[in-house]
Amino acid sequence: MIPSAIVTIKELILWEYARLMSEEASGERDNWRFTLHNFEQLNSDKKRWSHILEEEVKVDPNKCAYCGSEKDLSITRIVPKEVCYFAKIHNTVRTCKKCNSSKGGKDLIEWWIFNGQDKIPRSVLAKYLKILYICHECNGTTDGCALDEYGKYNLVYLGYVFQEPCNSDKVRA
């Protein structure tokens, strides 16, 4: 459950990232106390995103990042569209032919939900959240409302930013 104090796009993305940090430390994404602590640290800049190299170390290069298959692997984009220079390094994963074909041009979260999957693998979701944050930062929308048109928190809704042209002058890199 997302706290009602989460209002902005930045806060929603940081909340989801804090949940991943909680899973890394405690084995569960919904450890409320740990997630809240990490969210507050991230939101106040006392804690930073992990570096891309830290995410890559956690990935088995001989397995599909989505399903774990070891057959027909290739490097593909998480966000199918070319993203800005600052997000580009986060936008690749190794996937099997089946997952790559199934996902195609769909948004990661939309595809995952459509396929009835439970949890997006931590390393993939961490990269996606970083790309999402950077792209919203490029477009100056991190302070925008995190709720969709139905008043719900929806990460798929936040993916609209991938359709916008990049304005990399606004990124803090």
Protein backbone atom coordinates (compact mmCIF):
# COMPACT_ATOMS: atom_id res chain seq x y z
CA MET A 1 0.00 0.00 0.00
CA ILE A 2 1.25 3.46 -0.89
CA PRO A 3 0.97 6.11 1.84
CA SER A 4 -1.46 8.93 1.12
CA ALA A 5 1.39 11.41 1.70
CA ILE A 6 2.85 10.34 -1.66
CA VAL A 7 1.70 13.08 -4.01
CA THR A 8 4.29 13.72 -6.72
CA ILE A 9 5.70 11.59 -9.50
CA LYS A 10 9.13 11.85 -7.85
CA GLU A 11 7.73 10.56 -4.56
CA LEU A 12 5.94 7.63 -6.20
CA ILE A 13 9.06 6.55 -8.08
CA LEU A 14 11.22 6.90 -4.96
CA TRP A 15 8.63 4.95 -2.92
CA GLU A 16 8.78 2.08 -5.39
CA TYR A 17 12.57 2.17 -5.35
CA ALA A 18 12.54 2.16 -1.52
CA ARG A 19 10.39 -0.99 -1.70
CA LEU A 20 13.11 -2.62 -3.81
CA MET A 21 15.71 -1.60 -1.24
CA SER A 22 13.53 -3.17 1.43
CA GLU A 23 13.35 -6.40 -0.54
CA GLU A 24 17.13 -6.44 -0.95
CA ALA A 25 17.68 -6.03 2.80
CA SER A 26 14.77 -7.96 4.33
CA GLY A 27 13.57 -10.28 1.59
CA GLU A 28 10.19 -8.58 1.16
CA ARG A 29 9.10 -5.48 -0.75
CA ASP A 30 6.36 -4.61 1.69
CA ASN A 31 8.38 -4.19 4.88
CA TRP A 32 6.60 -0.94 5.77
CA ARG A 33 9.02 0.45 8.36
CA PHE A 34 12.13 -0.24 6.30
CA THR A 35 10.52 1.05 3.11
CA LEU A 36 9.38 4.26 4.80
CA HIS A 37 12.85 4.85 6.26
CA ASN A 38 14.51 4.35 2.86
CA PHE A 39 11.92 6.53 1.13
CA GLU A 40 12.58 9.39 3.56
CA GLN A 41 16.34 9.00 3.04
CA LEU A 42 15.98 8.97 -0.77
CA ASN A 43 13.51 11.87 -0.84
CA SER A 44 15.79 14.06 1.31
CA ASP A 45 18.89 13.15 -0.76
CA LYS A 46 20.53 11.51 2.27
CA LYS A 47 20.60 8.27 0.29
CA ARG A 48 21.19 7.89 -3.46
CA TRP A 49 20.11 5.41 -6.12
CA SER A 50 22.53 2.52 -6.43
CA HIS A 51 24.95 2.93 -9.28
CA ILE A 52 24.29 1.08 -12.51
CA LEU A 53 27.31 -1.14 -11.91
CA GLU A 54 25.78 -2.33 -8.64
CA GLU A 55 22.62 -3.35 -10.53
CA GLU A 56 24.63 -5.16 -13.21
CA VAL A 57 26.54 -7.22 -10.63
CA LYS A 58 23.21 -8.64 -9.41
CA VAL A 59 22.23 -9.88 -12.88
CA ASP A 60 23.27 -13.28 -14.19
CA PRO A 61 24.53 -12.56 -17.74
CA ASN A 62 23.70 -16.12 -18.78
CA LYS A 63 19.98 -15.84 -18.01
CA CYS A 64 17.01 -13.90 -19.30
CA ALA A 65 16.39 -10.95 -16.96
CA TYR A 66 12.63 -11.59 -17.16
CA CYS A 67 12.15 -15.37 -16.98
CA GLY A 68 15.57 -16.86 -16.19
CA SER A 69 15.84 -18.89 -19.43
CA GLU A 70 19.36 -19.62 -20.67
CA LYS A 71 18.41 -20.07 -24.36
CA ASP A 72 18.52 -17.64 -27.30
CA LEU A 73 19.73 -14.62 -25.30
CA SER A 74 20.30 -11.15 -26.69
CA ILE A 75 20.63 -7.64 -25.30
CA THR A 76 17.40 -5.67 -25.60
CA ARG A 77 15.88 -2.44 -24.34
CA ILE A 78 13.61 -2.24 -21.30
CA VAL A 79 11.93 0.86 -22.75
CA PRO A 80 11.57 0.07 -26.47
CA LYS A 81 12.04 3.67 -27.54
CA GLU A 82 15.47 5.29 -27.55
CA VAL A 83 15.70 7.27 -24.32
CA CYS A 84 17.86 10.25 -23.56
CA TYR A 85 21.60 10.08 -23.11
CA PHE A 86 21.34 10.13 -19.30
CA ALA A 87 18.98 7.14 -19.17
CA LYS A 88 20.53 5.08 -21.97
CA ILE A 89 22.93 3.11 -19.75
CA HIS A 90 20.02 1.81 -17.65
CA ASN A 91 17.92 0.73 -20.63
CA THR A 92 19.40 -2.66 -21.53
CA VAL A 93 18.91 -6.17 -20.23
CA ARG A 94 19.66 -9.64 -21.53
CA THR A 95 16.46 -11.40 -22.60
CA CYS A 96 15.47 -14.63 -24.28
CA LYS A 97 13.82 -14.61 -27.70
CA LYS A 98 10.44 -15.62 -26.23
CA CYS A 99 10.30 -12.74 -23.71
CA ASN A 100 11.66 -10.23 -26.20
CA SER A 101 9.04 -11.20 -28.79
CA SER A 102 6.24 -11.21 -26.24
CA LYS A 103 7.15 -7.80 -24.82
CA GLY A 104 7.79 -6.15 -28.19
CA GLY A 105 7.08 -2.42 -27.97
CA LYS A 106 5.01 -2.59 -24.78
CA ASP A 107 5.82 -0.72 -21.60
CA LEU A 108 7.56 -3.05 -19.11
CA ILE A 109 4.93 -2.80 -16.38
CA GLU A 110 2.02 -3.00 -18.80
CA TRP A 111 3.53 -6.14 -20.38
CA TRP A 112 4.28 -7.72 -17.01
CA ILE A 113 0.74 -7.19 -15.74
CA PHE A 114 -0.82 -8.34 -19.04
CA ASN A 115 1.11 -11.61 -18.76
CA GLY A 116 -0.22 -12.16 -15.23
CA GLN A 117 3.22 -12.15 -13.64
CA ASP A 118 3.69 -11.53 -9.93
CA LYS A 119 6.75 -9.37 -9.31
CA ILE A 120 9.05 -7.79 -11.85
CA PRO A 121 12.60 -8.94 -11.09
CA ARG A 122 14.35 -6.46 -8.80
CA SER A 123 17.23 -5.57 -11.13
CA VAL A 124 14.89 -4.92 -14.07
CA LEU A 125 12.45 -2.83 -12.04
CA ALA A 126 15.31 -0.82 -10.51
CA LYS A 127 16.57 0.06 -13.97
CA TYR A 128 13.06 0.90 -15.19
CA LEU A 129 12.44 3.21 -12.21
CA LYS A 130 15.72 5.01 -12.86
CA ILE A 131 14.82 5.51 -16.53
CA LEU A 132 11.34 6.68 -15.55
CA TYR A 133 12.75 9.17 -13.04
CA ILE A 134 15.41 10.52 -15.42
CA CYS A 135 12.86 10.97 -18.22
CA HIS A 136 10.44 12.79 -15.91
CA GLU A 137 13.33 14.94 -14.72
CA CYS A 138 14.25 15.74 -18.35
CA ASN A 139 10.68 16.85 -18.97
CA GLY A 140 10.35 18.78 -15.71
CA THR A 141 7.43 16.63 -14.52
CA THR A 142 8.84 15.08 -11.32
CA ASP A 143 6.72 17.47 -9.23
CA GLY A 144 3.56 16.57 -11.17
CA CYS A 145 0.68 14.63 -9.65
CA ALA A 146 1.36 10.90 -9.19
CA LEU A 147 -2.30 9.93 -9.54
CA ASP A 148 -3.83 8.82 -12.82
CA GLU A 149 -7.17 10.10 -14.16
CA TYR A 150 -9.00 7.69 -11.82
CA GLY A 151 -7.22 8.96 -8.71
CA LYS A 152 -5.05 5.83 -8.43
CA TYR A 153 -1.28 5.37 -8.16
CA ASN A 154 -0.26 3.78 -11.43
CA LEU A 155 3.31 3.30 -12.66
CA VAL A 156 2.01 2.39 -16.13
CA TYR A 157 0.42 5.84 -16.31
CA LEU A 158 3.79 7.46 -15.54
CA GLY A 159 5.25 5.80 -18.64
CA TYR A 160 3.59 8.49 -20.80
CA VAL A 161 6.87 10.37 -20.41
CA PHE A 162 8.53 7.94 -22.84
CA GLN A 163 6.37 9.41 -25.60
CA GLU A 164 7.62 12.95 -24.88
CA PRO A 165 10.73 14.47 -26.46
CA CYS A 166 13.71 14.60 -24.12
CA ASN A 167 14.77 17.93 -22.63
CA SER A 168 18.14 16.89 -21.17
CA ASP A 169 18.98 20.45 -20.09
CA LYS A 170 16.86 19.82 -16.96
CA VAL A 171 18.72 16.71 -15.75
CA ARG A 172 20.94 16.95 -12.70
CA ALA A 173 22.95 13.89 -13.84
